[in-house]
Protein backbone atom coordinates (compact mmCIF):
# COMPACT_ATOMS: atom_id res chain seq x y z
CA MET A 1 69.75 110.92 -30.60
CA LYS A 2 71.56 113.92 -32.11
CA ILE A 3 74.88 115.12 -30.73
CA LYS A 4 73.49 118.58 -29.94
CA LYS A 5 70.72 117.11 -27.75
CA LEU A 6 73.20 114.78 -26.03
CA TYR A 7 75.48 117.76 -25.45
CA LYS A 8 72.68 119.62 -23.58
CA ILE A 9 71.81 116.55 -21.52
CA LEU A 10 75.45 115.93 -20.59
CA THR A 11 76.00 119.57 -19.66
CA PHE A 12 72.94 119.50 -17.38
CA SER A 13 74.08 116.17 -15.91
CA LEU A 14 77.52 117.57 -15.16
CA VAL A 15 76.00 120.47 -13.25
CA ILE A 16 73.78 118.11 -11.22
CA ILE A 17 76.67 115.75 -10.44
CA THR A 18 78.96 118.62 -9.45
CA PHE A 19 76.29 120.00 -7.08
CA SER A 20 75.47 116.59 -5.67
CA SER A 21 79.08 115.61 -5.06
CA SER A 22 79.64 118.85 -3.15
CA TYR A 23 76.61 118.09 -1.00
CA LEU A 24 77.65 114.52 -0.28
CA THR A 25 81.33 115.16 0.49
CA PRO A 26 82.02 114.67 4.24
CA ASP A 27 83.32 117.98 5.61
CA SER A 28 83.75 119.23 9.14
CA SER A 29 82.92 122.77 8.05
CA SER A 30 79.88 124.08 6.21
CA GLU A 31 81.56 127.41 5.38
CA ILE A 32 81.61 128.28 1.67
CA ILE A 33 84.81 129.99 0.57
CA ILE A 34 84.40 132.46 -2.29
CA SER A 35 87.56 133.57 -4.09
CA SER A 36 88.22 137.29 -4.08
CA GLN A 37 88.46 139.04 -7.44
CA ASP A 38 91.89 140.21 -6.29
CA ASN A 39 93.33 136.69 -6.37
CA LEU A 40 94.78 135.70 -9.74
CA LYS A 41 95.54 132.24 -11.07
CA ILE A 42 98.08 131.59 -13.80
CA ILE A 43 98.72 128.17 -15.29
CA VAL A 44 102.03 127.35 -16.99
CA SER A 45 104.22 124.30 -17.56
CA ASP A 46 106.17 122.72 -14.71
CA GLN A 47 109.41 124.16 -16.03
CA GLN A 48 108.06 127.74 -15.93
CA VAL A 49 106.63 127.68 -12.40
CA PRO A 50 109.81 128.61 -10.45
CA ALA A 51 110.54 131.65 -12.64
CA ILE A 52 107.06 133.06 -12.07
CA MET A 53 107.01 132.23 -8.36
CA GLY A 54 110.27 134.14 -8.01
CA ILE A 55 108.86 137.48 -9.20
CA ILE A 56 105.41 137.45 -7.56
CA ASP A 57 106.50 139.80 -4.77
CA ASP A 58 107.95 142.19 -7.36
CA PHE A 59 104.65 142.23 -9.24
CA LEU A 60 102.60 142.82 -6.10
CA ALA A 61 104.89 145.77 -5.22
CA ASP A 62 104.67 147.19 -8.75
CA PRO A 63 101.94 149.65 -9.77
CA LEU A 64 100.69 146.97 -12.19
CA GLY A 65 100.00 144.75 -9.19
CA SER A 66 97.88 147.33 -7.42
CA GLY A 67 94.70 145.78 -6.01
CA VAL A 68 95.94 142.19 -6.39
CA ASP A 69 96.18 140.28 -3.12
CA SER A 70 97.83 137.08 -4.30
CA ILE A 71 98.82 135.00 -7.30
CA GLU A 72 98.48 131.24 -7.46
CA VAL A 73 100.81 129.56 -9.96
CA ILE A 74 99.52 126.21 -11.22
CA ALA A 75 101.58 123.64 -13.12
CA SER A 76 99.92 122.13 -16.19
CA GLY A 77 102.41 119.28 -16.63
CA THR A 78 105.83 118.44 -18.02
CA ARG A 79 105.01 117.19 -21.51
CA ALA A 80 103.40 119.49 -24.05
CA GLU A 81 100.74 116.91 -24.90
CA ASP A 82 99.57 116.66 -21.27
CA GLN A 83 99.49 120.43 -20.90
CA HIS A 84 97.55 120.86 -24.13
CA SER A 85 94.98 118.17 -23.31
CA TYR A 86 94.26 119.64 -19.89
CA LEU A 87 93.88 123.21 -21.17
CA VAL A 88 91.63 122.14 -24.05
CA GLU A 89 89.40 120.25 -21.62
CA GLN A 90 89.13 123.33 -19.38
CA MET A 91 88.31 125.58 -22.33
CA LEU A 92 85.64 123.22 -23.69
CA LEU A 93 84.02 123.25 -20.26
CA LYS A 94 84.24 127.08 -20.25
CA SER A 95 86.07 126.97 -16.94
CA ASN A 96 86.77 130.31 -15.26
CA GLU A 97 89.43 128.69 -13.08
CA PHE A 98 92.36 130.55 -14.68
CA ASP A 99 93.04 134.20 -15.43
CA VAL A 100 96.26 133.80 -17.42
CA ILE A 101 97.30 130.73 -19.41
CA GLY A 102 100.71 129.97 -20.82
CA LEU A 103 100.44 128.55 -24.33
CA ASP A 104 103.01 126.79 -26.43
CA THR A 105 103.54 128.87 -29.56
CA ILE A 106 101.91 126.17 -31.70
CA TRP A 107 98.58 126.15 -29.85
CA LEU A 108 97.42 129.73 -30.38
CA ALA A 109 95.61 129.12 -33.67
CA GLN A 110 93.37 126.47 -32.09
CA PHE A 111 92.60 128.57 -29.01
CA ALA A 112 91.87 131.70 -31.05
CA GLU A 113 89.81 129.86 -33.69
CA ASN A 114 87.55 128.44 -30.98
CA GLY A 115 87.12 131.74 -29.12
CA TRP A 116 88.84 130.46 -25.99
CA VAL A 117 91.18 133.44 -25.58
CA GLU A 118 90.64 137.20 -25.69
CA ALA A 119 91.89 139.39 -28.52
CA LEU A 120 94.38 141.86 -27.01
CA ASP A 121 94.57 144.52 -29.74
CA SER A 122 92.44 147.04 -27.83
CA ARG A 123 94.74 146.73 -24.80
CA LEU A 124 98.04 147.10 -26.65
CA GLU A 125 99.85 150.41 -26.95
CA SER A 126 100.98 151.53 -30.40
CA ASN A 127 104.04 149.50 -31.53
CA GLU A 128 104.26 147.83 -28.11
CA LEU A 129 105.11 144.45 -29.57
CA SER A 130 107.98 145.86 -31.64
CA ASN A 131 110.09 145.55 -28.49
CA PHE A 132 109.92 141.76 -28.72
CA ALA A 133 111.52 139.15 -30.99
CA ASP A 134 109.75 139.08 -34.35
CA GLY A 135 109.35 135.30 -34.47
CA LEU A 136 107.56 135.20 -31.15
CA VAL A 137 105.35 138.16 -32.02
CA LYS A 138 104.19 136.26 -35.11
CA SER A 139 103.25 133.36 -32.83
CA CYS A 140 100.92 135.71 -30.93
CA LYS A 141 98.81 136.55 -33.97
CA TYR A 142 96.08 134.69 -35.79
CA ASN A 143 93.96 135.90 -38.71
CA GLY A 144 95.20 139.47 -38.33
CA LYS A 145 94.49 139.79 -34.60
CA THR A 146 96.74 139.56 -31.54
CA TYR A 147 95.59 136.95 -29.04
CA ALA A 148 98.67 136.55 -26.86
CA TYR A 149 101.70 138.36 -25.46
CA PRO A 150 105.33 137.23 -25.89
CA TYR A 151 106.83 135.59 -22.81
CA PHE A 152 110.00 133.66 -23.64
CA MET A 153 111.70 131.89 -26.50
CA ASN A 154 113.28 128.51 -26.88
CA LEU A 155 115.69 127.63 -29.64
CA GLY A 156 116.93 124.24 -30.67
CA ILE A 157 120.73 124.41 -30.30
CA LEU A 158 123.72 122.06 -30.47
CA TYR A 159 125.52 121.21 -27.23
CA TYR A 160 128.93 119.62 -27.61
CA ARG A 161 131.53 118.21 -25.23
CA LYS A 162 134.29 120.78 -25.29
CA ASP A 163 136.77 118.51 -23.49
CA LEU A 164 136.39 115.68 -26.02
CA ILE A 165 136.50 118.02 -29.01
CA LYS A 166 139.74 119.53 -27.73
CA ALA A 167 141.25 116.15 -26.72
CA TYR A 168 140.98 114.89 -30.30
CA ASN A 169 142.22 118.13 -31.88
CA PHE A 170 138.91 119.24 -33.36
CA THR A 171 137.58 122.80 -33.33
CA GLU A 172 134.11 124.37 -33.49
CA ASN A 173 134.54 124.78 -37.24
CA ASP A 174 134.84 121.04 -37.78
CA PHE A 175 131.14 120.20 -37.47
CA ASN A 176 129.14 122.90 -39.23
CA THR A 177 127.42 120.31 -41.41
CA TRP A 178 125.70 117.08 -40.42
CA ALA A 179 128.24 115.05 -42.40
CA GLU A 180 131.11 116.73 -40.54
CA LEU A 181 129.41 116.11 -37.21
CA ASN A 182 129.06 112.44 -38.14
CA THR A 183 132.75 112.20 -39.00
CA THR A 184 133.79 113.97 -35.78
CA ALA A 185 131.58 111.81 -33.57
CA ASN A 186 132.72 108.57 -35.20
CA HIS A 187 136.39 109.45 -34.75
CA ILE A 188 135.91 110.19 -31.05
CA LEU A 189 133.73 107.11 -30.44
CA LYS A 190 136.21 104.73 -32.01
CA ASN A 191 139.11 106.14 -30.00
CA GLU A 192 137.15 106.23 -26.75
CA ASN A 193 136.09 102.63 -27.31
CA PHE A 194 139.68 101.57 -28.08
CA ALA A 195 140.86 103.20 -24.86
CA SER A 196 137.91 101.69 -22.92
CA ARG A 197 137.26 105.04 -21.28
CA ASN A 198 133.47 105.33 -21.50
CA PRO A 199 131.55 102.26 -22.75
CA ASN A 200 128.25 104.16 -22.58
CA LEU A 201 129.37 107.10 -24.72
CA VAL A 202 127.28 107.82 -27.85
CA GLY A 203 127.72 110.30 -30.65
CA PHE A 204 124.48 112.27 -30.83
CA ILE A 205 121.19 112.38 -28.92
CA SER A 206 117.98 114.30 -29.35
CA GLN A 207 114.26 113.99 -28.62
CA PHE A 208 112.77 111.32 -30.88
CA ASP A 209 110.04 109.81 -28.70
CA THR A 210 106.48 109.86 -30.05
CA TYR A 211 105.55 113.38 -28.94
CA GLU A 212 106.12 117.01 -29.92
CA GLY A 213 109.90 116.63 -29.59
CA ALA A 214 109.98 114.31 -32.60
CA VAL A 215 107.89 116.84 -34.55
CA VAL A 216 110.35 119.65 -33.80
CA ASN A 217 113.24 117.45 -34.91
CA PHE A 218 111.39 116.58 -38.12
CA PHE A 219 111.00 120.24 -39.11
CA GLU A 220 114.56 121.11 -38.07
CA TRP A 221 116.13 118.29 -40.07
CA ALA A 222 113.96 119.03 -43.10
CA ALA A 223 114.82 122.75 -42.99
CA SER A 224 118.53 122.01 -42.58
CA PHE A 225 118.35 120.26 -45.97
CA GLY A 226 116.53 123.22 -47.52
CA ALA A 227 112.93 122.03 -47.10
CA THR A 228 110.90 124.79 -45.44
CA GLY A 229 107.21 125.61 -45.73
CA ILE A 230 106.31 121.94 -46.21
CA ILE A 231 103.04 122.57 -44.33
CA ASN A 232 101.71 126.12 -44.27
CA SER A 233 98.87 127.95 -42.54
CA ASN A 234 96.67 127.60 -45.63
CA GLY A 235 96.78 123.83 -45.31
CA ASP A 236 99.09 123.16 -48.25
CA VAL A 237 101.09 119.96 -47.69
CA ASN A 238 104.38 119.31 -49.51
CA ILE A 239 106.16 116.64 -47.47
CA ILE A 240 107.10 114.54 -50.49
CA ASN A 241 110.10 116.47 -51.78
CA SER A 242 113.81 115.81 -52.19
CA GLY A 243 114.89 117.97 -49.24
CA VAL A 244 112.73 116.07 -46.74
CA GLU A 245 113.66 112.70 -48.28
CA ASP A 246 117.40 113.47 -48.13
CA ALA A 247 117.14 114.67 -44.53
CA MET A 248 115.21 111.63 -43.30
CA THR A 249 117.42 109.21 -45.21
CA PHE A 250 120.57 110.69 -43.68
CA LEU A 251 119.04 110.75 -40.19
CA GLN A 252 117.97 107.11 -40.42
CA GLU A 253 121.47 106.15 -41.58
CA LEU A 254 122.93 107.77 -38.44
CA THR A 255 120.65 105.72 -36.17
CA SER A 256 121.54 102.29 -34.81
CA GLN A 257 119.15 99.40 -35.00
CA GLU A 258 118.04 97.72 -31.80
CA GLY A 259 120.84 95.92 -29.95
CA VAL A 260 123.66 97.51 -31.96
CA ASP A 261 126.39 99.42 -30.07
CA VAL A 262 127.25 102.76 -31.72
CA GLN A 263 130.89 102.35 -30.64
CA LEU A 264 131.16 99.24 -32.80
CA ASN A 265 129.82 100.62 -36.10
CA SER A 266 129.45 103.86 -38.06
CA ASN A 267 126.16 104.91 -36.43
CA ILE A 268 126.25 107.72 -33.88
CA ILE A 269 122.63 107.80 -32.61
CA PRO A 270 121.74 104.98 -30.19
CA TYR A 271 118.52 103.04 -30.68
CA GLU A 272 117.40 104.12 -27.20
CA CYS A 273 117.06 107.66 -28.55
CA ILE A 274 113.68 106.74 -30.09
CA ASN A 275 112.33 106.77 -26.51
CA MET A 276 114.03 109.99 -25.41
CA ASP A 277 112.27 113.23 -24.53
CA GLU A 278 113.84 116.36 -22.99
CA SER A 279 114.21 114.71 -19.59
CA LEU A 280 115.77 111.42 -20.71
CA SER A 281 118.14 113.07 -23.17
CA MET A 282 119.25 115.42 -20.38
CA GLU A 283 119.96 112.46 -18.10
CA LYS A 284 122.22 110.95 -20.76
CA TRP A 285 123.97 114.26 -21.38
CA LEU A 286 124.50 115.14 -17.71
CA ALA A 287 125.91 111.66 -17.11
CA GLY A 288 128.65 112.54 -19.61
CA GLU A 289 127.48 109.89 -22.08
CA ALA A 290 126.98 111.94 -25.26
CA ILE A 291 129.37 113.91 -27.46
CA PHE A 292 126.65 116.00 -29.11
CA MET A 293 123.09 116.80 -28.06
CA ARG A 294 120.28 118.73 -29.71
CA GLN A 295 118.38 120.45 -26.89
CA TRP A 296 116.54 123.61 -25.92
CA THR A 297 118.29 126.51 -24.22
CA PHE A 298 117.18 125.47 -20.71
CA ALA A 299 119.94 122.83 -20.66
CA TYR A 300 122.62 125.52 -20.41
CA THR A 301 122.25 126.18 -16.68
CA SER A 302 121.90 122.48 -15.83
CA SER A 303 125.09 121.70 -17.75
CA ILE A 304 126.96 124.32 -15.73
CA ASN A 305 125.56 123.00 -12.46
CA TYR A 306 126.75 119.48 -13.32
CA ASN A 307 130.23 120.74 -14.26
CA ILE A 308 129.97 119.47 -17.82
CA SER A 309 132.73 120.76 -20.09
CA PHE A 310 130.58 121.99 -22.96
CA GLY A 311 129.97 124.57 -25.62
CA VAL A 312 126.94 125.59 -27.70
CA LEU A 313 126.53 126.28 -31.41
CA PRO A 314 123.74 126.58 -33.96
CA LEU A 315 122.53 123.22 -35.21
CA PRO A 316 124.36 121.98 -38.32
CA THR A 317 122.86 122.05 -41.82
CA ALA A 318 123.44 120.00 -44.95
CA THR A 319 125.96 122.28 -46.66
CA ASP A 320 126.52 125.17 -44.21
CA SER A 321 124.91 127.53 -46.70
CA PRO A 322 123.85 130.88 -45.13
CA ASP A 323 120.26 130.43 -46.33
CA GLU A 324 119.83 127.01 -44.66
CA LYS A 325 117.91 127.05 -41.40
CA SER A 326 117.99 124.43 -38.67
CA SER A 327 116.50 125.73 -35.42
CA CYS A 328 112.84 125.61 -34.46
CA VAL A 329 111.43 128.43 -32.39
CA GLY A 330 109.66 127.20 -29.30
CA GLY A 331 108.63 128.97 -26.17
CA SER A 332 105.58 130.36 -24.50
CA VAL A 333 103.07 133.14 -25.03
CA LEU A 334 100.57 134.40 -22.46
CA ALA A 335 96.84 134.71 -23.07
CA ILE A 336 93.69 135.69 -21.18
CA PRO A 337 90.97 133.02 -21.25
CA ALA A 338 87.63 134.27 -22.53
CA PHE A 339 86.04 132.89 -19.36
CA SER A 340 88.25 134.70 -16.81
CA GLN A 341 86.48 137.01 -14.38
CA ASN A 342 89.61 139.09 -13.72
CA LYS A 343 90.68 140.20 -17.17
CA ALA A 344 91.97 143.67 -16.27
CA ALA A 345 94.22 142.36 -13.50
CA ALA A 346 95.25 139.44 -15.73
CA TRP A 347 96.38 141.90 -18.41
CA ASN A 348 98.49 143.78 -15.87
CA LEU A 349 100.20 140.54 -14.83
CA ILE A 350 100.93 139.69 -18.47
CA LYS A 351 102.44 143.13 -19.10
CA PHE A 352 104.63 142.77 -16.01
CA LEU A 353 105.94 139.40 -17.22
CA GLY A 354 107.06 141.18 -20.37
CA LYS A 355 109.08 143.78 -18.45
CA LYS A 356 112.88 143.55 -18.28
CA LEU A 357 112.96 142.42 -14.63
CA ALA A 358 110.73 139.41 -15.31
CA GLN A 359 112.42 138.63 -18.63
CA GLU A 360 115.88 138.59 -17.03
CA PHE A 361 114.61 136.40 -14.20
CA GLU A 362 113.24 133.90 -16.73
CA LEU A 363 116.69 133.78 -18.34
CA THR A 364 118.75 133.46 -15.16
CA ASN A 365 116.47 130.98 -13.41
CA ALA A 366 115.15 128.83 -16.27
CA SER A 367 117.69 129.48 -19.07
CA ASN A 368 114.84 130.41 -21.40
CA PHE A 369 115.70 133.01 -24.02
CA PRO A 370 113.97 136.33 -23.34
CA ALA A 371 111.34 137.61 -25.72
CA LEU A 372 112.31 141.21 -24.95
CA LYS A 373 115.02 142.30 -27.40
CA SER A 374 116.68 144.80 -25.05
CA VAL A 375 117.87 141.96 -22.78
CA TYR A 376 120.15 140.73 -25.57
CA ASP A 377 121.78 144.17 -25.82
CA ASN A 378 122.53 144.35 -22.09
CA PRO A 379 122.22 140.85 -20.57
CA PRO A 380 122.64 140.02 -16.87
CA SER A 381 126.13 139.21 -15.59
CA ASN A 382 127.40 135.78 -16.71
CA TYR A 383 124.75 135.61 -19.44
CA GLU A 384 126.65 137.60 -22.05
CA TRP A 385 126.68 134.43 -24.17
CA ILE A 386 123.11 135.07 -25.32
CA GLN A 387 124.40 137.99 -27.39
CA ASN A 388 125.90 135.41 -29.75
CA TRP A 389 122.40 134.26 -30.62
CA LYS A 390 120.81 137.56 -31.55
CA GLU A 391 121.65 137.13 -35.24
CA GLN A 392 120.54 133.49 -35.11
CA LEU A 393 117.00 134.63 -34.27
CA GLY A 394 116.55 135.63 -37.89
CA LYS A 395 117.56 132.17 -39.14
CA THR A 396 114.97 130.17 -37.24
CA ILE A 397 111.92 128.30 -38.47
CA THR A 398 108.44 128.07 -37.03
CA ARG A 399 106.08 125.16 -36.99
CA PRO A 400 102.80 125.45 -38.96
CA VAL A 401 100.16 127.81 -37.58
CA HIS A 402 96.96 125.84 -38.05
CA PRO A 403 93.85 125.17 -35.90
CA LYS A 404 94.36 121.43 -36.41
CA TYR A 405 98.01 121.49 -35.48
CA SER A 406 97.62 119.03 -32.59
CA LEU A 407 96.26 116.39 -35.00
CA ILE A 408 98.95 117.16 -37.58
CA SER A 409 101.60 116.90 -34.87
CA SER A 410 100.43 113.44 -33.78
CA VAL A 411 100.79 112.09 -37.32
CA ILE A 412 104.30 113.49 -37.73
CA ALA A 413 105.44 112.24 -34.32
CA GLN A 414 104.24 108.69 -34.96
CA ASN A 415 105.71 108.41 -38.46
CA MET A 416 108.97 110.01 -37.37
CA ASN A 417 109.30 107.46 -34.59
CA ASP A 418 108.37 104.62 -36.95
CA LEU A 419 111.07 105.76 -39.35
CA LEU A 420 113.82 105.95 -36.70
CA SER A 421 112.85 102.60 -35.17
CA PHE A 422 112.99 101.02 -38.66
CA ARG A 423 109.32 99.99 -38.58
CA LYS A 424 108.93 102.00 -41.80
CA ASP A 425 111.33 102.95 -44.56
CA VAL A 426 111.71 106.61 -45.47
CA ASN A 427 109.40 106.52 -48.49
CA THR A 428 106.58 104.76 -46.61
CA ALA A 429 106.82 107.03 -43.58
CA LEU A 430 106.73 110.23 -45.64
CA THR A 431 103.95 108.98 -47.92
CA ASP A 432 101.81 107.99 -44.93
CA MET A 433 102.55 111.31 -43.27
CA ASN A 434 101.62 113.32 -46.35
CA GLU A 435 98.36 111.42 -46.96
CA GLU A 436 97.18 111.45 -43.33
CA ILE A 437 97.88 115.17 -42.84
CA THR A 438 96.13 116.05 -46.10
CA ARG A 439 93.08 114.07 -44.97
CA ILE A 440 93.05 115.81 -41.56
CA ILE A 441 93.22 119.27 -43.09
CA ASP A 442 90.51 118.48 -45.65
CA GLU A 443 88.10 117.04 -43.06
CA LYS A 444 85.52 119.31 -41.47
CA GLU A 445 85.79 119.27 -37.70
CA ASN A 446 82.72 118.21 -35.72
CA LYS A 447 83.07 120.49 -32.70
CA ASN A 448 79.90 119.18 -31.06
CA LEU A 449 81.29 115.64 -31.16
CA THR A 450 84.57 116.79 -29.57
CA VAL A 451 82.71 118.53 -26.75
CA PHE A 452 80.43 115.51 -26.34
CA ILE A 453 83.38 113.13 -25.88
CA ILE A 454 85.09 115.33 -23.31
CA LEU A 455 81.89 115.97 -21.38
CA ALA A 456 81.04 112.27 -21.40
CA THR A 457 84.48 111.42 -20.02
CA THR A 458 84.21 114.10 -17.35
CA ILE A 459 80.75 112.95 -16.29
CA ALA A 460 81.82 109.32 -16.10
CA THR A 461 84.70 110.31 -13.82
CA SER A 462 82.43 112.53 -11.72
CA ALA A 463 79.82 109.80 -11.43
CA LEU A 464 82.42 107.35 -10.17
CA SER A 465 83.62 109.90 -7.61
CA LEU A 466 80.02 110.52 -6.55
CA PHE A 467 79.45 106.80 -6.02
CA ILE A 468 82.61 106.49 -3.92
CA LEU A 469 81.76 109.54 -1.81
CA SER A 470 78.22 108.32 -1.30
CA TYR A 471 79.52 104.90 -0.23
CA ILE A 472 81.94 106.50 2.25
CA ARG A 473 79.20 108.70 3.67
CA ARG A 474 76.86 105.73 4.17
CA SER A 475 79.67 103.73 5.80
CA ILE A 476 80.42 106.57 8.22
CA GLN A 477 76.75 106.94 9.04
CA ARG A 478 76.40 103.18 9.68
CA LYS A 479 79.39 103.30 11.99
CA ILE A 480 77.88 106.23 13.90
CA ASN A 481 74.55 104.41 14.26
CA THR A 482 76.32 101.27 15.44
CA ASN A 483 78.20 103.23 18.09
CA LYS A 484 74.96 104.82 19.26
CA LYS A 485 73.37 101.41 19.68
CA VAL A 486 76.34 100.16 21.67
CA VAL A 487 76.11 103.17 23.98
């Protein structure tokens, strides 16, 4: 049977199951609740929820919020992979559940290519996006059209323990390169170990688990050794080059093998780092057990709250040359799903989230860098430090803009983790990465098959739920009949 015919059958089956399960669900009320068009739903990551919840009342009181009764903020998950999978599933099912969706900057190409989000060009005022950071504006465009609106930025930055740096007579200028950072960390580790002050202290931590964090680190390390543009939007792959090889070789040399204590050798990255994401690396940092940490900007506020003596700097590079780049741009852009029934109101909410009030709130409550450039010129009180990063915005790198980015990302993450866990040597990992990504880009995507798999999974889950609900209903009915007989 052809995929297209199966797709039609599965779609029809899903409708039948959804209707049937609603009919069979035990409910004390038969009232059907229909959502008002004045109620908006926005879905963003867990980390972004508080910042949006905090300005809902301001939006509703603003002229842009006129006619909107309420806003429901829905969390899509903590990890980027979970968020992406859920949103893709909803888009494939053409769900009209959401009116605004927060997208990681790397997802836009896929969502635009598949027609899942609205083009915004007709809604934008002339030069409206010139008020926002250039790198994030580029992330909102695909094939010459604008499909999203800038929300906030994330930059990979270096956190360092100010107290330890000062205690051992180092300064901020002593670790501008990766080699200098290695020397600094080793000196501190050896002395801390000799003094038996902190047996759990390590030199450097980052996010090397098999997920998007490892991918970001891969591009940052490669760029810091001069290798940029190794995968571009046209699908050209150039991973096998001296810059990438030098970066990965040096990174692997910094990493300890399993069971080896970094305080007892010249390594500064613990083996446990291969399982670290943002959350686990933050736990290590906030426990005072790392000298240096690569992390996103959100860690700034948490570090203050935990009374960590720390400072922040741009990530090191190989030679400290002005043309070397080392920080990946992350962050979020806002889009209107093609299936939303409240697109005008959704657009007003998006515009409000780009205003200075909302942008400052995102900074002060989530430590996410604002997309609006004017906030850097006149930041909120106690956030003057972001002015130091305005020039750094021009030295950042972006990840590839490609409709198959999620597949490319998975290959990089796995091989990066294999390399750092010593399951593969540098040459093997990079060769495998290059070959697999080239194959993915060259393959033609079977969209019908993708939809078929997701629909089949959804129907299987719905069918199981239907069986359970039917069983419960029959059990309740049997109990009622039994009680009637007893009476």
